[in-house]
Amino acid sequence: MVHDHLESTYLAYLDALNGRRFDELDRYVCDELVYNDKLLSRQEYADMIAEDVRAVPDLRFEAQLLSIGDDLVACRLWFDCTPTSTFLGHQPTGRAVSFAEHVFYRFEGGRIAHVWSLIDRDAIAAQSSF
């Protein structure tokens, strides 16, 4: 039952990101969190995601693989999108890119407290280089 609640919370979080409802992140993200070993406020985290969305207006967070255990969520997110400005150090080409993000979340009190993210930057670079 706990896993079902965590899964529904995580999917609602992705829905808020996809709906660009960053003002709702207080429901899903702690006031402070650790992102790849860096302490961020929830606002800094939201700003980081919002910056990616500005660079890639059609960015959609699609859970391709999802695993839930105790207070942990592991997900392979899949993206098919077209950057319109510099994204992760790459200039836009007008062409779509597809890539994965492998991300782990630790929840505390029902909200995200830790994020470990690995974006397949090699895939983005390969698709941005021609």
N, C-alpha and C. Protein backbone atom coordinates (compact mmCIF):
# COMPACT_ATOMS: atom_id res chain seq x y z
N MET A 1 0.82 -1.19 0.00
CA MET A 1 0.00 0.00 0.00
C MET A 1 0.87 1.26 0.00
N VAL A 2 1.97 1.24 0.76
CA VAL A 2 2.87 2.39 0.80
C VAL A 2 3.46 2.64 -0.58
N HIS A 3 3.81 1.55 -1.29
CA HIS A 3 4.38 1.68 -2.63
C HIS A 3 3.39 2.32 -3.58
N ASP A 4 2.10 1.93 -3.46
CA ASP A 4 1.07 2.53 -4.32
C ASP A 4 0.97 4.03 -4.10
N HIS A 5 1.05 4.45 -2.83
CA HIS A 5 0.97 5.89 -2.53
C HIS A 5 2.19 6.61 -3.08
N LEU A 6 3.37 6.03 -2.91
CA LEU A 6 4.58 6.66 -3.41
C LEU A 6 4.56 6.75 -4.94
N GLU A 7 4.08 5.69 -5.59
CA GLU A 7 3.97 5.72 -7.04
C GLU A 7 3.01 6.80 -7.50
N SER A 8 1.86 6.89 -6.88
CA SER A 8 0.88 7.90 -7.30
C SER A 8 1.41 9.31 -7.02
N THR A 9 2.13 9.49 -5.92
CA THR A 9 2.73 10.79 -5.62
C THR A 9 3.76 11.15 -6.68
N TYR A 10 4.61 10.19 -7.04
CA TYR A 10 5.65 10.45 -8.03
C TYR A 10 5.04 10.77 -9.39
N LEU A 11 4.04 10.02 -9.80
CA LEU A 11 3.40 10.28 -11.09
C LEU A 11 2.68 11.62 -11.09
N ALA A 12 2.12 12.02 -9.95
CA ALA A 12 1.50 13.34 -9.85
C ALA A 12 2.56 14.44 -9.94
N TYR A 13 3.73 14.19 -9.38
CA TYR A 13 4.87 15.12 -9.50
C TYR A 13 5.25 15.30 -10.96
N LEU A 14 5.38 14.19 -11.70
CA LEU A 14 5.70 14.28 -13.13
C LEU A 14 4.61 15.04 -13.88
N ASP A 15 3.38 14.80 -13.52
CA ASP A 15 2.26 15.51 -14.15
C ASP A 15 2.35 17.02 -13.89
N ALA A 16 2.75 17.39 -12.68
CA ALA A 16 2.91 18.82 -12.38
C ALA A 16 4.05 19.41 -13.22
N LEU A 17 5.15 18.67 -13.37
CA LEU A 17 6.25 19.15 -14.23
C LEU A 17 5.78 19.30 -15.66
N ASN A 18 5.09 18.29 -16.17
CA ASN A 18 4.62 18.34 -17.56
C ASN A 18 3.58 19.42 -17.78
N GLY A 19 2.83 19.74 -16.74
CA GLY A 19 1.83 20.80 -16.82
C GLY A 19 2.40 22.18 -16.51
N ARG A 20 3.73 22.21 -16.24
CA ARG A 20 4.44 23.46 -15.92
C ARG A 20 3.86 24.14 -14.69
N ARG A 21 3.36 23.30 -13.76
CA ARG A 21 2.78 23.81 -12.51
C ARG A 21 3.84 23.78 -11.41
N PHE A 22 4.88 24.57 -11.59
CA PHE A 22 6.00 24.57 -10.66
C PHE A 22 5.60 25.11 -9.28
N ASP A 23 4.52 25.89 -9.24
CA ASP A 23 4.03 26.40 -7.96
C ASP A 23 3.45 25.28 -7.09
N GLU A 24 3.21 24.10 -7.66
CA GLU A 24 2.70 22.96 -6.90
C GLU A 24 3.81 22.07 -6.33
N LEU A 25 5.06 22.40 -6.60
CA LEU A 25 6.15 21.53 -6.17
C LEU A 25 6.24 21.39 -4.66
N ASP A 26 5.66 22.34 -3.91
CA ASP A 26 5.68 22.20 -2.45
C ASP A 26 4.94 20.94 -2.00
N ARG A 27 4.06 20.41 -2.82
CA ARG A 27 3.36 19.16 -2.50
C ARG A 27 4.27 17.94 -2.62
N TYR A 28 5.30 18.05 -3.46
CA TYR A 28 6.11 16.90 -3.85
C TYR A 28 7.58 16.98 -3.44
N VAL A 29 8.06 18.19 -3.16
CA VAL A 29 9.49 18.40 -2.91
C VAL A 29 9.66 19.10 -1.57
N CYS A 30 10.60 18.61 -0.76
CA CYS A 30 10.90 19.24 0.53
C CYS A 30 11.37 20.68 0.32
N ASP A 31 11.32 21.47 1.39
CA ASP A 31 11.77 22.87 1.32
C ASP A 31 13.22 22.95 0.84
N GLU A 32 14.05 21.99 1.28
CA GLU A 32 15.41 21.86 0.81
C GLU A 32 15.61 20.41 0.39
N LEU A 33 16.42 20.21 -0.63
CA LEU A 33 16.72 18.86 -1.08
C LEU A 33 18.16 18.81 -1.55
N VAL A 34 18.67 17.60 -1.67
CA VAL A 34 20.02 17.41 -2.18
C VAL A 34 19.87 16.85 -3.59
N TYR A 35 20.43 17.58 -4.56
CA TYR A 35 20.40 17.17 -5.96
C TYR A 35 21.83 16.88 -6.39
N ASN A 36 22.11 15.63 -6.70
CA ASN A 36 23.48 15.23 -7.07
C ASN A 36 24.52 15.83 -6.11
N ASP A 37 24.27 15.64 -4.83
CA ASP A 37 25.18 16.06 -3.75
C ASP A 37 25.24 17.56 -3.52
N LYS A 38 24.35 18.33 -4.14
CA LYS A 38 24.32 19.78 -3.94
C LYS A 38 23.02 20.15 -3.24
N LEU A 39 23.14 20.88 -2.14
CA LEU A 39 21.97 21.33 -1.40
C LEU A 39 21.29 22.46 -2.16
N LEU A 40 20.00 22.30 -2.42
CA LEU A 40 19.21 23.30 -3.12
C LEU A 40 17.94 23.59 -2.34
N SER A 41 17.45 24.81 -2.47
CA SER A 41 16.10 25.10 -1.99
C SER A 41 15.13 24.55 -3.03
N ARG A 42 13.90 24.38 -2.63
CA ARG A 42 12.88 23.93 -3.58
C ARG A 42 12.79 24.91 -4.74
N GLN A 43 12.92 26.21 -4.46
CA GLN A 43 12.84 27.22 -5.52
C GLN A 43 14.00 27.08 -6.50
N GLU A 44 15.20 26.83 -5.99
CA GLU A 44 16.35 26.63 -6.88
C GLU A 44 16.15 25.40 -7.76
N TYR A 45 15.59 24.35 -7.19
CA TYR A 45 15.30 23.13 -7.95
C TYR A 45 14.26 23.42 -9.03
N ALA A 46 13.19 24.12 -8.66
CA ALA A 46 12.15 24.49 -9.63
C ALA A 46 12.73 25.38 -10.73
N ASP A 47 13.60 26.31 -10.36
CA ASP A 47 14.22 27.20 -11.35
C ASP A 47 15.09 26.41 -12.32
N MET A 48 15.79 25.40 -11.82
CA MET A 48 16.64 24.56 -12.67
C MET A 48 15.77 23.83 -13.72
N ILE A 49 14.66 23.29 -13.29
CA ILE A 49 13.76 22.59 -14.21
C ILE A 49 13.12 23.58 -15.17
N ALA A 50 12.71 24.73 -14.65
CA ALA A 50 12.08 25.75 -15.50
C ALA A 50 13.05 26.23 -16.58
N GLU A 51 14.33 26.31 -16.26
CA GLU A 51 15.33 26.72 -17.26
C GLU A 51 15.40 25.69 -18.39
N ASP A 52 15.36 24.40 -18.04
CA ASP A 52 15.34 23.36 -19.07
C ASP A 52 14.09 23.49 -19.94
N VAL A 53 12.97 23.79 -19.33
CA VAL A 53 11.70 23.94 -20.07
C VAL A 53 11.75 25.15 -20.99
N ARG A 54 12.41 26.22 -20.55
CA ARG A 54 12.55 27.40 -21.43
C ARG A 54 13.39 27.04 -22.66
N ALA A 55 14.44 26.24 -22.45
CA ALA A 55 15.31 25.84 -23.56
C ALA A 55 14.64 24.81 -24.46
N VAL A 56 13.73 24.03 -23.87
CA VAL A 56 13.07 22.93 -24.60
C VAL A 56 11.58 22.99 -24.27
N PRO A 57 10.83 23.84 -24.96
CA PRO A 57 9.42 24.03 -24.61
C PRO A 57 8.56 22.77 -24.66
N ASP A 58 8.94 21.79 -25.48
CA ASP A 58 8.13 20.57 -25.57
C ASP A 58 8.70 19.44 -24.69
N LEU A 59 9.54 19.79 -23.72
CA LEU A 59 10.11 18.80 -22.80
C LEU A 59 9.00 18.15 -21.99
N ARG A 60 8.92 16.83 -22.07
CA ARG A 60 7.93 16.05 -21.31
C ARG A 60 8.64 14.94 -20.57
N PHE A 61 8.33 14.81 -19.30
CA PHE A 61 8.92 13.81 -18.44
C PHE A 61 8.06 12.54 -18.52
N GLU A 62 8.56 11.54 -19.24
CA GLU A 62 7.81 10.30 -19.44
C GLU A 62 8.50 9.16 -18.70
N ALA A 63 7.82 8.58 -17.72
CA ALA A 63 8.38 7.47 -16.95
C ALA A 63 8.34 6.21 -17.82
N GLN A 64 9.51 5.76 -18.23
CA GLN A 64 9.61 4.58 -19.08
C GLN A 64 9.74 3.32 -18.23
N LEU A 65 10.56 3.36 -17.21
CA LEU A 65 10.72 2.28 -16.24
C LEU A 65 10.59 2.90 -14.86
N LEU A 66 9.89 2.23 -13.97
CA LEU A 66 9.65 2.79 -12.64
C LEU A 66 9.73 1.67 -11.62
N SER A 67 10.51 1.88 -10.58
CA SER A 67 10.64 0.91 -9.50
C SER A 67 10.52 1.64 -8.18
N ILE A 68 9.73 1.09 -7.27
CA ILE A 68 9.45 1.72 -5.98
C ILE A 68 9.88 0.77 -4.88
N GLY A 69 10.54 1.29 -3.85
CA GLY A 69 10.92 0.49 -2.70
C GLY A 69 11.05 1.35 -1.47
N ASP A 70 10.32 1.04 -0.44
CA ASP A 70 10.33 1.81 0.82
C ASP A 70 10.18 3.29 0.53
N ASP A 71 11.25 4.06 0.75
CA ASP A 71 11.18 5.50 0.52
C ASP A 71 11.92 5.92 -0.74
N LEU A 72 12.20 4.95 -1.63
CA LEU A 72 12.98 5.22 -2.84
C LEU A 72 12.16 5.01 -4.11
N VAL A 73 12.41 5.87 -5.08
CA VAL A 73 11.85 5.72 -6.41
C VAL A 73 13.03 5.73 -7.39
N ALA A 74 13.06 4.75 -8.28
CA ALA A 74 14.05 4.71 -9.35
C ALA A 74 13.27 4.78 -10.66
N CYS A 75 13.73 5.64 -11.56
CA CYS A 75 12.99 5.83 -12.79
C CYS A 75 13.94 6.07 -13.96
N ARG A 76 13.58 5.47 -15.09
CA ARG A 76 14.22 5.83 -16.36
C ARG A 76 13.23 6.72 -17.08
N LEU A 77 13.54 7.99 -17.11
CA LEU A 77 12.70 8.95 -17.82
C LEU A 77 13.15 8.99 -19.27
N TRP A 78 12.19 9.13 -20.17
CA TRP A 78 12.50 9.20 -21.59
C TRP A 78 11.99 10.52 -22.14
N PHE A 79 12.82 11.14 -22.99
CA PHE A 79 12.50 12.43 -23.56
C PHE A 79 12.64 12.38 -25.07
N ASP A 80 11.64 12.86 -25.78
CA ASP A 80 11.67 13.14 -27.22
C ASP A 80 11.28 14.60 -27.33
N CYS A 81 12.23 15.45 -27.72
CA CYS A 81 11.94 16.88 -27.66
C CYS A 81 12.83 17.64 -28.64
N THR A 82 12.52 18.91 -28.82
CA THR A 82 13.26 19.75 -29.75
C THR A 82 13.73 21.03 -29.03
N PRO A 83 15.01 21.08 -28.67
CA PRO A 83 15.52 22.30 -28.03
C PRO A 83 15.40 23.50 -28.97
N THR A 84 15.04 24.65 -28.39
CA THR A 84 14.95 25.89 -29.17
C THR A 84 16.03 26.89 -28.76
N SER A 85 16.73 26.60 -27.67
CA SER A 85 17.89 27.40 -27.26
C SER A 85 18.89 26.44 -26.60
N THR A 86 20.02 26.96 -26.19
CA THR A 86 21.08 26.12 -25.64
C THR A 86 20.55 25.22 -24.53
N PHE A 87 20.84 23.93 -24.67
CA PHE A 87 20.35 22.93 -23.72
C PHE A 87 21.51 22.01 -23.36
N LEU A 88 21.86 22.00 -22.08
CA LEU A 88 22.95 21.17 -21.57
C LEU A 88 24.23 21.39 -22.37
N GLY A 89 24.46 22.65 -22.73
CA GLY A 89 25.69 23.02 -23.43
C GLY A 89 25.66 22.86 -24.93
N HIS A 90 24.52 22.46 -25.49
CA HIS A 90 24.42 22.24 -26.94
C HIS A 90 23.50 23.27 -27.57
N GLN A 91 23.93 23.79 -28.71
CA GLN A 91 23.13 24.75 -29.45
C GLN A 91 22.01 23.99 -30.17
N PRO A 92 20.84 24.61 -30.30
CA PRO A 92 19.75 23.94 -31.01
C PRO A 92 20.05 23.81 -32.50
N THR A 93 19.59 22.71 -33.08
CA THR A 93 19.76 22.48 -34.51
C THR A 93 18.44 22.54 -35.24
N GLY A 94 17.34 22.61 -34.49
CA GLY A 94 16.02 22.56 -35.10
C GLY A 94 15.51 21.13 -35.21
N ARG A 95 16.38 20.17 -34.91
CA ARG A 95 15.98 18.76 -34.96
C ARG A 95 15.65 18.26 -33.56
N ALA A 96 14.80 17.27 -33.52
CA ALA A 96 14.44 16.63 -32.25
C ALA A 96 15.59 15.78 -31.74
N VAL A 97 15.66 15.64 -30.43
CA VAL A 97 16.60 14.73 -29.78
C VAL A 97 15.82 13.79 -28.88
N SER A 98 16.36 12.59 -28.71
CA SER A 98 15.78 11.60 -27.81
C SER A 98 16.88 11.16 -26.85
N PHE A 99 16.54 11.09 -25.58
CA PHE A 99 17.53 10.69 -24.58
C PHE A 99 16.84 10.22 -23.31
N ALA A 100 17.62 9.56 -22.47
CA ALA A 100 17.12 9.06 -21.20
C ALA A 100 17.77 9.81 -20.04
N GLU A 101 17.06 9.85 -18.96
CA GLU A 101 17.60 10.29 -17.67
C GLU A 101 17.32 9.16 -16.69
N HIS A 102 18.35 8.71 -16.01
CA HIS A 102 18.19 7.70 -14.96
C HIS A 102 18.26 8.45 -13.65
N VAL A 103 17.20 8.35 -12.88
CA VAL A 103 17.10 9.19 -11.69
C VAL A 103 16.56 8.38 -10.52
N PHE A 104 17.15 8.65 -9.36
CA PHE A 104 16.73 8.02 -8.11
C PHE A 104 16.28 9.13 -7.17
N TYR A 105 15.21 8.87 -6.45
CA TYR A 105 14.67 9.84 -5.50
C TYR A 105 14.54 9.17 -4.14
N ARG A 106 14.89 9.88 -3.09
CA ARG A 106 14.57 9.44 -1.72
C ARG A 106 13.53 10.40 -1.19
N PHE A 107 12.44 9.83 -0.70
CA PHE A 107 11.35 10.62 -0.14
C PHE A 107 11.47 10.65 1.38
N GLU A 108 11.15 11.79 1.96
CA GLU A 108 11.04 11.94 3.41
C GLU A 108 9.74 12.65 3.69
N GLY A 109 8.92 12.05 4.53
CA GLY A 109 7.63 12.66 4.85
C GLY A 109 6.74 12.82 3.63
N GLY A 110 6.89 11.91 2.66
CA GLY A 110 6.05 11.94 1.47
C GLY A 110 6.49 12.91 0.39
N ARG A 111 7.65 13.56 0.60
CA ARG A 111 8.15 14.51 -0.41
C ARG A 111 9.60 14.18 -0.77
N ILE A 112 10.02 14.63 -1.94
CA ILE A 112 11.36 14.36 -2.44
C ILE A 112 12.38 15.14 -1.61
N ALA A 113 13.38 14.39 -1.08
CA ALA A 113 14.43 15.00 -0.27
C ALA A 113 15.80 14.87 -0.92
N HIS A 114 15.99 13.83 -1.72
CA HIS A 114 17.26 13.60 -2.41
C HIS A 114 16.98 13.18 -3.85
N VAL A 115 17.78 13.69 -4.77
CA VAL A 115 17.69 13.32 -6.18
C VAL A 115 19.09 13.00 -6.67
N TRP A 116 19.23 11.85 -7.31
CA TRP A 116 20.47 11.48 -7.98
C TRP A 116 20.11 11.29 -9.45
N SER A 117 20.67 12.13 -10.32
CA SER A 117 20.27 12.16 -11.72
C SER A 117 21.47 11.95 -12.63
N LEU A 118 21.27 11.12 -13.64
CA LEU A 118 22.29 10.92 -14.67
C LEU A 118 21.59 11.02 -16.02
N ILE A 119 21.90 12.09 -16.75
CA ILE A 119 21.31 12.34 -18.07
C ILE A 119 22.26 11.81 -19.12
N ASP A 120 21.73 11.14 -20.13
CA ASP A 120 22.55 10.60 -21.21
C ASP A 120 22.99 11.73 -22.13
N ARG A 121 23.99 12.45 -21.68
CA ARG A 121 24.50 13.61 -22.43
C ARG A 121 25.19 13.17 -23.73
N ASP A 122 25.74 11.96 -23.75
CA ASP A 122 26.37 11.47 -24.98
C ASP A 122 25.34 11.34 -26.10
N ALA A 123 24.14 10.87 -25.77
CA ALA A 123 23.08 10.74 -26.77
C ALA A 123 22.69 12.12 -27.30
N ILE A 124 22.60 13.09 -26.40
CA ILE A 124 22.26 14.46 -26.83
C ILE A 124 23.36 15.01 -27.73
N ALA A 125 24.61 14.82 -27.33
CA ALA A 125 25.74 15.33 -28.10
C ALA A 125 25.77 14.70 -29.50
N ALA A 126 25.54 13.40 -29.57
CA ALA A 126 25.57 12.70 -30.86
C ALA A 126 24.50 13.22 -31.80
N GLN A 127 23.35 13.56 -31.26
CA GLN A 127 22.23 14.04 -32.09
C GLN A 127 22.34 15.53 -32.38
N SER A 128 23.19 16.23 -31.65
CA SER A 128 23.34 17.67 -31.84
C SER A 128 24.55 18.04 -32.67
N SER A 129 25.32 17.03 -33.08
CA SER A 129 26.61 17.32 -33.72
C SER A 129 26.57 17.32 -35.24
N PHE A 130 25.41 17.09 -35.82
CA PHE A 130 25.39 17.08 -37.30
C PHE A 130 24.52 18.18 -37.84
